[in-house]
PDB file of all heavy atoms in Angstrom:
ATOM      1  N   SER A   1       5.577  15.309   8.462  1.00  0.00           N
ATOM      2  CA  SER A   1       4.623  15.547   9.550  1.00  0.00           C
ATOM      3  C   SER A   1       3.257  14.964   9.212  1.00  0.00           C
ATOM      4  O   SER A   1       2.575  14.398  10.072  1.00  0.00           O
ATOM      5  CB  SER A   1       4.499  17.049   9.827  1.00  0.00           C
ATOM      6  OG  SER A   1       5.727  17.588  10.271  1.00  0.00           O
ATOM      7  N   PHE A   2       2.852  15.107   7.962  1.00  0.00           N
ATOM      8  CA  PHE A   2       1.601  14.515   7.502  1.00  0.00           C
ATOM      9  C   PHE A   2       1.638  12.994   7.650  1.00  0.00           C
ATOM     10  O   PHE A   2       0.675  12.371   8.122  1.00  0.00           O
ATOM     11  CB  PHE A   2       1.350  14.910   6.044  1.00  0.00           C
ATOM     12  CG  PHE A   2       0.331  14.054   5.340  1.00  0.00           C
ATOM     13  CD1 PHE A   2      -1.025  14.201   5.594  1.00  0.00           C
ATOM     14  CD2 PHE A   2       0.738  13.085   4.428  1.00  0.00           C
ATOM     15  CE1 PHE A   2      -1.968  13.401   4.953  1.00  0.00           C
ATOM     16  CE2 PHE A   2      -0.185  12.287   3.779  1.00  0.00           C
ATOM     17  CZ  PHE A   2      -1.548  12.443   4.041  1.00  0.00           C
ATOM     18  N   LEU A   3       2.762  12.385   7.278  1.00  0.00           N
ATOM     19  CA  LEU A   3       2.875  10.931   7.382  1.00  0.00           C
ATOM     20  C   LEU A   3       2.791  10.469   8.835  1.00  0.00           C
ATOM     21  O   LEU A   3       2.247   9.390   9.124  1.00  0.00           O
ATOM     22  CB  LEU A   3       4.189  10.460   6.763  1.00  0.00           C
ATOM     23  CG  LEU A   3       4.340  10.640   5.243  1.00  0.00           C
ATOM     24  CD1 LEU A   3       5.685  10.078   4.777  1.00  0.00           C
ATOM     25  CD2 LEU A   3       3.202   9.968   4.494  1.00  0.00           C
ATOM     26  N   GLU A   4       3.303  11.282   9.750  1.00  0.00           N
ATOM     27  CA  GLU A   4       3.226  10.928  11.166  1.00  0.00           C
ATOM     28  C   GLU A   4       1.775  10.756  11.607  1.00  0.00           C
ATOM     29  O   GLU A   4       1.459   9.900  12.439  1.00  0.00           O
ATOM     30  CB  GLU A   4       3.917  11.998  12.020  1.00  0.00           C
ATOM     31  CG  GLU A   4       5.427  12.044  11.870  1.00  0.00           C
ATOM     32  CD  GLU A   4       6.116  10.882  12.576  1.00  0.00           C
ATOM     33  OE1 GLU A   4       5.431  10.146  13.321  1.00  0.00           O
ATOM     34  OE2 GLU A   4       7.328  10.709  12.381  1.00  0.00           O
ATOM     35  N   THR A   5       0.892  11.570  11.049  1.00  0.00           N
ATOM     36  CA  THR A   5      -0.526  11.472  11.426  1.00  0.00           C
ATOM     37  C   THR A   5      -1.188  10.237  10.839  1.00  0.00           C
ATOM     38  O   THR A   5      -2.276   9.848  11.279  1.00  0.00           O
ATOM     39  CB  THR A   5      -1.297  12.722  10.957  1.00  0.00           C
ATOM     40  OG1 THR A   5      -1.360  12.745   9.515  1.00  0.00           O
ATOM     41  CG2 THR A   5      -0.629  13.996  11.439  1.00  0.00           C
ATOM     42  N   LYS A   6      -0.564   9.625   9.829  1.00  0.00           N
ATOM     43  CA  LYS A   6      -1.136   8.447   9.166  1.00  0.00           C
ATOM     44  C   LYS A   6      -0.446   7.153   9.581  1.00  0.00           C
ATOM     45  O   LYS A   6      -0.815   6.078   9.125  1.00  0.00           O
ATOM     46  CB  LYS A   6      -1.012   8.596   7.644  1.00  0.00           C
ATOM     47  CG  LYS A   6      -1.655   9.863   7.078  1.00  0.00           C
ATOM     48  CD  LYS A   6      -3.154   9.872   7.326  1.00  0.00           C
ATOM     49  CE  LYS A   6      -3.793  11.116   6.733  1.00  0.00           C
ATOM     50  NZ  LYS A   6      -5.264  11.150   6.980  1.00  0.00           N
ATOM     51  N   LYS A   7       0.517   7.264  10.458  1.00  0.00           N
ATOM     52  CA  LYS A   7       1.342   6.114  10.824  1.00  0.00           C
ATOM     53  C   LYS A   7       0.539   5.073  11.599  1.00  0.00           C
ATOM     54  O   LYS A   7      -0.226   5.402  12.510  1.00  0.00           O
ATOM     55  CB  LYS A   7       2.529   6.596  11.669  1.00  0.00           C
ATOM     56  CG  LYS A   7       3.559   5.535  11.984  1.00  0.00           C
ATOM     57  CD  LYS A   7       4.730   6.172  12.715  1.00  0.00           C
ATOM     58  CE  LYS A   7       5.820   5.153  13.018  1.00  0.00           C
ATOM     59  NZ  LYS A   7       6.966   5.798  13.704  1.00  0.00           N
ATOM     60  N   THR A   8       0.717   3.823  11.229  1.00  0.00           N
ATOM     61  CA  THR A   8       0.022   2.734  11.895  1.00  0.00           C
ATOM     62  C   THR A   8       0.842   2.187  13.054  1.00  0.00           C
ATOM     63  O   THR A   8       2.072   2.316  13.062  1.00  0.00           O
ATOM     64  CB  THR A   8      -0.265   1.584  10.914  1.00  0.00           C
ATOM     65  OG1 THR A   8      -0.964   0.545  11.596  1.00  0.00           O
ATOM     66  CG2 THR A   8       1.029   1.018  10.358  1.00  0.00           C
ATOM     67  N   ASP A   9       0.165   1.594  14.011  1.00  0.00           N
ATOM     68  CA  ASP A   9       0.874   0.921  15.101  1.00  0.00           C
ATOM     69  C   ASP A   9       0.788  -0.591  14.935  1.00  0.00           C
ATOM     70  O   ASP A   9       0.979  -1.351  15.889  1.00  0.00           O
ATOM     71  CB  ASP A   9       0.312   1.347  16.453  1.00  0.00           C
ATOM     72  CG  ASP A   9      -1.187   1.077  16.578  1.00  0.00           C
ATOM     73  OD1 ASP A   9      -1.788   0.566  15.602  1.00  0.00           O
ATOM     74  OD2 ASP A   9      -1.759   1.370  17.651  1.00  0.00           O
ATOM     75  N   ALA A  10       0.498  -1.027  13.718  1.00  0.00           N
ATOM     76  CA  ALA A  10       0.393  -2.453  13.435  1.00  0.00           C
ATOM     77  C   ALA A  10       1.727  -3.144  13.671  1.00  0.00           C
ATOM     78  O   ALA A  10       2.798  -2.558  13.495  1.00  0.00           O
ATOM     79  CB  ALA A  10      -0.072  -2.671  11.993  1.00  0.00           C
ATOM     80  N   GLU A  11       1.666  -4.398  14.047  1.00  0.00           N
ATOM     81  CA  GLU A  11       2.874  -5.183  14.269  1.00  0.00           C
ATOM     82  C   GLU A  11       3.268  -5.922  12.999  1.00  0.00           C
ATOM     83  O   GLU A  11       2.487  -6.070  12.068  1.00  0.00           O
ATOM     84  CB  GLU A  11       2.646  -6.182  15.416  1.00  0.00           C
ATOM     85  CG  GLU A  11       2.372  -5.519  16.755  1.00  0.00           C
ATOM     86  CD  GLU A  11       2.195  -6.538  17.863  1.00  0.00           C
ATOM     87  OE1 GLU A  11       2.181  -7.754  17.559  1.00  0.00           O
ATOM     88  OE2 GLU A  11       2.058  -6.119  19.029  1.00  0.00           O
ATOM     89  N   GLY A  12       4.495  -6.409  12.985  1.00  0.00           N
ATOM     90  CA  GLY A  12       4.967  -7.161  11.838  1.00  0.00           C
ATOM     91  C   GLY A  12       5.611  -6.275  10.795  1.00  0.00           C
ATOM     92  O   GLY A  12       5.876  -5.085  11.014  1.00  0.00           O
ATOM     93  N   THR A  13       5.864  -6.832   9.636  1.00  0.00           N
ATOM     94  CA  THR A  13       6.524  -6.110   8.546  1.00  0.00           C
ATOM     95  C   THR A  13       5.623  -5.007   8.009  1.00  0.00           C
ATOM     96  O   THR A  13       4.437  -5.223   7.747  1.00  0.00           O
ATOM     97  CB  THR A  13       6.874  -7.071   7.405  1.00  0.00           C
ATOM     98  OG1 THR A  13       7.749  -8.083   7.902  1.00  0.00           O
ATOM     99  CG2 THR A  13       7.530  -6.335   6.248  1.00  0.00           C
ATOM    100  N   ILE A  14       6.197  -3.826   7.845  1.00  0.00           N
ATOM    101  CA  ILE A  14       5.479  -2.708   7.230  1.00  0.00           C
ATOM    102  C   ILE A  14       5.996  -2.555   5.808  1.00  0.00           C
ATOM    103  O   ILE A  14       7.200  -2.391   5.589  1.00  0.00           O
ATOM    104  CB  ILE A  14       5.692  -1.387   8.002  1.00  0.00           C
ATOM    105  CG1 ILE A  14       5.355  -1.584   9.489  1.00  0.00           C
ATOM    106  CG2 ILE A  14       4.847  -0.284   7.392  1.00  0.00           C
ATOM    107  CD1 ILE A  14       3.935  -1.991   9.773  1.00  0.00           C
ATOM    108  N   GLY A  15       5.096  -2.624   4.840  1.00  0.00           N
ATOM    109  CA  GLY A  15       5.486  -2.558   3.442  1.00  0.00           C
ATOM    110  C   GLY A  15       4.935  -1.342   2.737  1.00  0.00           C
ATOM    111  O   GLY A  15       4.125  -0.589   3.287  1.00  0.00           O
ATOM    112  N   ALA A  16       5.391  -1.148   1.509  1.00  0.00           N
ATOM    113  CA  ALA A  16       4.926  -0.014   0.710  1.00  0.00           C
ATOM    114  C   ALA A  16       4.933  -0.383  -0.762  1.00  0.00           C
ATOM    115  O   ALA A  16       5.757  -1.185  -1.211  1.00  0.00           O
ATOM    116  CB  ALA A  16       5.809   1.210   0.944  1.00  0.00           C
ATOM    117  N   VAL A  17       4.026   0.206  -1.481  1.00  0.00           N
ATOM    118  CA  VAL A  17       4.001   0.099  -2.933  1.00  0.00           C
ATOM    119  C   VAL A  17       3.621   1.469  -3.478  1.00  0.00           C
ATOM    120  O   VAL A  17       2.815   2.181  -2.870  1.00  0.00           O
ATOM    121  CB  VAL A  17       3.003  -0.991  -3.406  1.00  0.00           C
ATOM    122  CG1 VAL A  17       1.582  -0.662  -2.978  1.00  0.00           C
ATOM    123  CG2 VAL A  17       3.084  -1.194  -4.906  1.00  0.00           C
ATOM    124  N   VAL A  18       4.236   1.866  -4.569  1.00  0.00           N
ATOM    125  CA  VAL A  18       3.963   3.168  -5.192  1.00  0.00           C
ATOM    126  C   VAL A  18       3.330   2.906  -6.546  1.00  0.00           C
ATOM    127  O   VAL A  18       3.856   2.137  -7.354  1.00  0.00           O
ATOM    128  CB  VAL A  18       5.248   3.994  -5.357  1.00  0.00           C
ATOM    129  CG1 VAL A  18       4.931   5.323  -6.033  1.00  0.00           C
ATOM    130  CG2 VAL A  18       5.901   4.230  -3.998  1.00  0.00           C
ATOM    131  N   MET A  19       2.196   3.569  -6.801  1.00  0.00           N
ATOM    132  CA  MET A  19       1.455   3.345  -8.040  1.00  0.00           C
ATOM    133  C   MET A  19       0.956   4.657  -8.609  1.00  0.00           C
ATOM    134  O   MET A  19       0.606   5.576  -7.858  1.00  0.00           O
ATOM    135  CB  MET A  19       0.243   2.450  -7.776  1.00  0.00           C
ATOM    136  CG  MET A  19       0.557   1.060  -7.298  1.00  0.00           C
ATOM    137  SD  MET A  19      -0.980   0.152  -6.968  1.00  0.00           S
ATOM    138  CE  MET A  19      -0.375  -1.521  -6.970  1.00  0.00           C
ATOM    139  N   ASN A  20       0.893   4.720  -9.932  1.00  0.00           N
ATOM    140  CA  ASN A  20       0.276   5.871 -10.580  1.00  0.00           C
ATOM    141  C   ASN A  20      -1.217   5.617 -10.788  1.00  0.00           C
ATOM    142  O   ASN A  20      -2.040   6.495 -10.619  1.00  0.00           O
ATOM    143  CB  ASN A  20       0.950   6.147 -11.927  1.00  0.00           C
ATOM    144  CG  ASN A  20       0.629   7.521 -12.459  1.00  0.00           C
ATOM    145  OD1 ASN A  20       0.317   8.437 -11.708  1.00  0.00           O
ATOM    146  ND2 ASN A  20       0.690   7.682 -13.770  1.00  0.00           N
ATOM    147  N   CYS A  21      -1.567   4.369 -11.159  1.00  0.00           N
ATOM    148  CA  CYS A  21      -2.960   3.950 -11.324  1.00  0.00           C
ATOM    149  C   CYS A  21      -3.711   4.858 -12.284  1.00  0.00           C
ATOM    150  O   CYS A  21      -4.685   5.515 -11.925  1.00  0.00           O
ATOM    151  CB  CYS A  21      -3.676   3.891  -9.981  1.00  0.00           C
ATOM    152  SG  CYS A  21      -2.945   2.708  -8.833  1.00  0.00           S
ATOM    153  N   ASN A  22      -3.261   4.849 -13.516  1.00  0.00           N
ATOM    154  CA  ASN A  22      -3.775   5.778 -14.525  1.00  0.00           C
ATOM    155  C   ASN A  22      -4.439   5.024 -15.686  1.00  0.00           C
ATOM    156  O   ASN A  22      -3.904   5.011 -16.791  1.00  0.00           O
ATOM    157  CB  ASN A  22      -2.597   6.618 -15.038  1.00  0.00           C
ATOM    158  CG  ASN A  22      -3.015   7.699 -16.015  1.00  0.00           C
ATOM    159  OD1 ASN A  22      -4.061   8.299 -15.850  1.00  0.00           O
ATOM    160  ND2 ASN A  22      -2.200   7.937 -17.031  1.00  0.00           N
ATOM    161  N   PRO A  23      -5.589   4.317 -15.429  1.00  0.00           N
ATOM    162  CA  PRO A  23      -6.408   4.261 -14.213  1.00  0.00           C
ATOM    163  C   PRO A  23      -6.121   2.986 -13.424  1.00  0.00           C
ATOM    164  O   PRO A  23      -5.266   2.190 -13.796  1.00  0.00           O
ATOM    165  CB  PRO A  23      -7.808   4.233 -14.782  1.00  0.00           C
ATOM    166  CG  PRO A  23      -7.648   3.389 -16.024  1.00  0.00           C
ATOM    167  CD  PRO A  23      -6.290   3.740 -16.590  1.00  0.00           C
ATOM    168  N   PHE A  24      -6.889   2.777 -12.348  1.00  0.00           N
ATOM    169  CA  PHE A  24      -6.765   1.598 -11.499  1.00  0.00           C
ATOM    170  C   PHE A  24      -7.256   0.366 -12.249  1.00  0.00           C
ATOM    171  O   PHE A  24      -8.367   0.346 -12.779  1.00  0.00           O
ATOM    172  CB  PHE A  24      -7.584   1.793 -10.226  1.00  0.00           C
ATOM    173  CG  PHE A  24      -7.436   0.689  -9.211  1.00  0.00           C
ATOM    174  CD1 PHE A  24      -6.303   0.613  -8.420  1.00  0.00           C
ATOM    175  CD2 PHE A  24      -8.432  -0.262  -9.051  1.00  0.00           C
ATOM    176  CE1 PHE A  24      -6.164  -0.392  -7.473  1.00  0.00           C
ATOM    177  CE2 PHE A  24      -8.299  -1.270  -8.111  1.00  0.00           C
ATOM    178  CZ  PHE A  24      -7.161  -1.341  -7.320  1.00  0.00           C
ATOM    179  N   THR A  25      -6.426  -0.686 -12.289  1.00  0.00           N
ATOM    180  CA  THR A  25      -6.756  -1.899 -13.036  1.00  0.00           C
ATOM    181  C   THR A  25      -6.775  -3.115 -12.115  1.00  0.00           C
ATOM    182  O   THR A  25      -6.400  -3.026 -10.937  1.00  0.00           O
ATOM    183  CB  THR A  25      -5.730  -2.158 -14.151  1.00  0.00           C
ATOM    184  OG1 THR A  25      -4.476  -2.523 -13.539  1.00  0.00           O
ATOM    185  CG2 THR A  25      -5.532  -0.923 -15.019  1.00  0.00           C
ATOM    186  N   LEU A  26      -7.164  -4.254 -12.669  1.00  0.00           N
ATOM    187  CA  LEU A  26      -7.093  -5.507 -11.924  1.00  0.00           C
ATOM    188  C   LEU A  26      -5.648  -5.894 -11.645  1.00  0.00           C
ATOM    189  O   LEU A  26      -5.365  -6.625 -10.694  1.00  0.00           O
ATOM    190  CB  LEU A  26      -7.794  -6.619 -12.708  1.00  0.00           C
ATOM    191  CG  LEU A  26      -9.319  -6.470 -12.836  1.00  0.00           C
ATOM    192  CD1 LEU A  26      -9.882  -7.549 -13.741  1.00  0.00           C
ATOM    193  CD2 LEU A  26      -9.984  -6.503 -11.459  1.00  0.00           C
ATOM    194  N   GLY A  27      -4.731  -5.395 -12.468  1.00  0.00           N
ATOM    195  CA  GLY A  27      -3.311  -5.618 -12.216  1.00  0.00           C
ATOM    196  C   GLY A  27      -2.863  -4.913 -10.955  1.00  0.00           C
ATOM    197  O   GLY A  27      -2.094  -5.473 -10.147  1.00  0.00           O
ATOM    198  N   HIS A  28      -3.319  -3.686 -10.734  1.00  0.00           N
ATOM    199  CA  HIS A  28      -2.992  -2.958  -9.512  1.00  0.00           C
ATOM    200  C   HIS A  28      -3.569  -3.679  -8.297  1.00  0.00           C
ATOM    201  O   HIS A  28      -2.915  -3.828  -7.266  1.00  0.00           O
ATOM    202  CB  HIS A  28      -3.542  -1.533  -9.579  1.00  0.00           C
ATOM    203  CG  HIS A  28      -2.893  -0.686 -10.622  1.00  0.00           C
ATOM    204  ND1 HIS A  28      -3.596  -0.111 -11.661  1.00  0.00           N
ATOM    205  CD2 HIS A  28      -1.602  -0.325 -10.812  1.00  0.00           C
ATOM    206  CE1 HIS A  28      -2.770   0.577 -12.433  1.00  0.00           C
ATOM    207  NE2 HIS A  28      -1.546   0.462 -11.939  1.00  0.00           N
ATOM    208  N   ARG A  29      -4.808  -4.103  -8.426  1.00  0.00           N
ATOM    209  CA  ARG A  29      -5.467  -4.810  -7.332  1.00  0.00           C
ATOM    210  C   ARG A  29      -4.686  -6.089  -6.972  1.00  0.00           C
ATOM    211  O   ARG A  29      -4.473  -6.392  -5.791  1.00  0.00           O
ATOM    212  CB  ARG A  29      -6.896  -5.163  -7.740  1.00  0.00           C
ATOM    213  CG  ARG A  29      -7.611  -6.173  -6.852  1.00  0.00           C
ATOM    214  CD  ARG A  29      -7.994  -5.618  -5.516  1.00  0.00           C
ATOM    215  NE  ARG A  29      -8.500  -6.697  -4.638  1.00  0.00           N
ATOM    216  CZ  ARG A  29      -9.268  -6.495  -3.583  1.00  0.00           C
ATOM    217  NH1 ARG A  29      -9.637  -5.270  -3.244  1.00  0.00           N
ATOM    218  NH2 ARG A  29      -9.671  -7.508  -2.856  1.00  0.00           N
ATOM    219  N   TYR A  30      -4.240  -6.791  -7.974  1.00  0.00           N
ATOM    220  CA  TYR A  30      -3.499  -8.037  -7.758  1.00  0.00           C
ATOM    221  C   TYR A  30      -2.187  -7.768  -7.021  1.00  0.00           C
ATOM    222  O   TYR A  30      -1.832  -8.482  -6.082  1.00  0.00           O
ATOM    223  CB  TYR A  30      -3.225  -8.694  -9.110  1.00  0.00           C
ATOM    224  CG  TYR A  30      -2.334  -9.907  -9.046  1.00  0.00           C
ATOM    225  CD1 TYR A  30      -2.816 -11.135  -8.603  1.00  0.00           C
ATOM    226  CD2 TYR A  30      -0.989  -9.832  -9.446  1.00  0.00           C
ATOM    227  CE1 TYR A  30      -1.988 -12.254  -8.549  1.00  0.00           C
ATOM    228  CE2 TYR A  30      -0.163 -10.946  -9.397  1.00  0.00           C
ATOM    229  CZ  TYR A  30      -0.662 -12.148  -8.945  1.00  0.00           C
ATOM    230  OH  TYR A  30       0.155 -13.253  -8.888  1.00  0.00           O
ATOM    231  N   LEU A  31      -1.467  -6.752  -7.425  1.00  0.00           N
ATOM    232  CA  LEU A  31      -0.201  -6.413  -6.775  1.00  0.00           C
ATOM    233  C   LEU A  31      -0.427  -6.053  -5.310  1.00  0.00           C
ATOM    234  O   LEU A  31       0.326  -6.474  -4.425  1.00  0.00           O
ATOM    235  CB  LEU A  31       0.476  -5.254  -7.507  1.00  0.00           C
ATOM    236  CG  LEU A  31       1.758  -4.691  -6.881  1.00  0.00           C
ATOM    237  CD1 LEU A  31       2.798  -5.785  -6.693  1.00  0.00           C
ATOM    238  CD2 LEU A  31       2.322  -3.561  -7.727  1.00  0.00           C
ATOM    239  N   ILE A  32      -1.461  -5.275  -5.036  1.00  0.00           N
ATOM    240  CA  ILE A  32      -1.761  -4.881  -3.659  1.00  0.00           C
ATOM    241  C   ILE A  32      -2.149  -6.101  -2.821  1.00  0.00           C
ATOM    242  O   ILE A  32      -1.729  -6.235  -1.663  1.00  0.00           O
ATOM    243  CB  ILE A  32      -2.872  -3.808  -3.631  1.00  0.00           C
ATOM    244  CG1 ILE A  32      -2.353  -2.512  -4.274  1.00  0.00           C
ATOM    245  CG2 ILE A  32      -3.326  -3.538  -2.197  1.00  0.00           C
ATOM    246  CD1 ILE A  32      -3.426  -1.469  -4.509  1.00  0.00           C
ATOM    247  N   GLU A  33      -2.933  -6.989  -3.382  1.00  0.00           N
ATOM    248  CA  GLU A  33      -3.305  -8.211  -2.672  1.00  0.00           C
ATOM    249  C   GLU A  33      -2.076  -9.031  -2.304  1.00  0.00           C
ATOM    250  O   GLU A  33      -1.934  -9.508  -1.168  1.00  0.00           O
ATOM    251  CB  GLU A  33      -4.255  -9.056  -3.527  1.00  0.00           C
ATOM    252  CG  GLU A  33      -5.664  -8.515  -3.628  1.00  0.00           C
ATOM    253  CD  GLU A  33      -6.534  -9.383  -4.528  1.00  0.00           C
ATOM    254  OE1 GLU A  33      -5.971 -10.164  -5.338  1.00  0.00           O
ATOM    255  OE2 GLU A  33      -7.761  -9.287  -4.429  1.00  0.00           O
ATOM    256  N   ARG A  34      -1.185  -9.225  -3.275  1.00  0.00           N
ATOM    257  CA  ARG A  34       0.020 -10.017  -3.041  1.00  0.00           C
ATOM    258  C   ARG A  34       0.907  -9.358  -1.974  1.00  0.00           C
ATOM    259  O   ARG A  34       1.432 -10.035  -1.084  1.00  0.00           O
ATOM    260  CB  ARG A  34       0.815 -10.167  -4.340  1.00  0.00           C
ATOM    261  CG  ARG A  34       0.189 -11.065  -5.389  1.00  0.00           C
ATOM    262  CD  ARG A  34       0.311 -12.534  -5.012  1.00  0.00           C
ATOM    263  NE  ARG A  34       1.667 -12.953  -4.703  1.00  0.00           N
ATOM    264  CZ  ARG A  34       2.572 -13.356  -5.615  1.00  0.00           C
ATOM    265  NH1 ARG A  34       2.237 -13.368  -6.910  1.00  0.00           N
ATOM    266  NH2 ARG A  34       3.775 -13.736  -5.246  1.00  0.00           N
ATOM    267  N   ALA A  35       1.097  -8.050  -2.093  1.00  0.00           N
ATOM    268  CA  ALA A  35       1.968  -7.338  -1.155  1.00  0.00           C
ATOM    269  C   ALA A  35       1.385  -7.331   0.254  1.00  0.00           C
ATOM    270  O   ALA A  35       2.099  -7.561   1.237  1.00  0.00           O
ATOM    271  CB  ALA A  35       2.201  -5.914  -1.639  1.00  0.00           C
ATOM    272  N   SER A  36       0.103  -7.078   0.375  1.00  0.00           N
ATOM    273  CA  SER A  36      -0.527  -7.015   1.700  1.00  0.00           C
ATOM    274  C   SER A  36      -0.491  -8.362   2.396  1.00  0.00           C
ATOM    275  O   SER A  36      -0.459  -8.435   3.634  1.00  0.00           O
ATOM    276  CB  SER A  36      -1.970  -6.517   1.584  1.00  0.00           C
ATOM    277  OG  SER A  36      -2.771  -7.429   0.836  1.00  0.00           O
ATOM    278  N   ALA A  37      -0.473  -9.448   1.621  1.00  0.00           N
ATOM    279  CA  ALA A  37      -0.415 -10.789   2.202  1.00  0.00           C
ATOM    280  C   ALA A  37       0.948 -11.068   2.833  1.00  0.00           C
ATOM    281  O   ALA A  37       1.066 -11.957   3.688  1.00  0.00           O
ATOM    282  CB  ALA A  37      -0.724 -11.836   1.137  1.00  0.00           C
TER     283      ALA A  37
END
């Protein structure tokens, strides 16, 4: 139900990545950039 409130209506492929980020690094940023592209 919580996810329903966060759901996007964007078009195209919807992707996901799961991260612990302990802590957040430039490696995490790079993966997110590549995936979002």
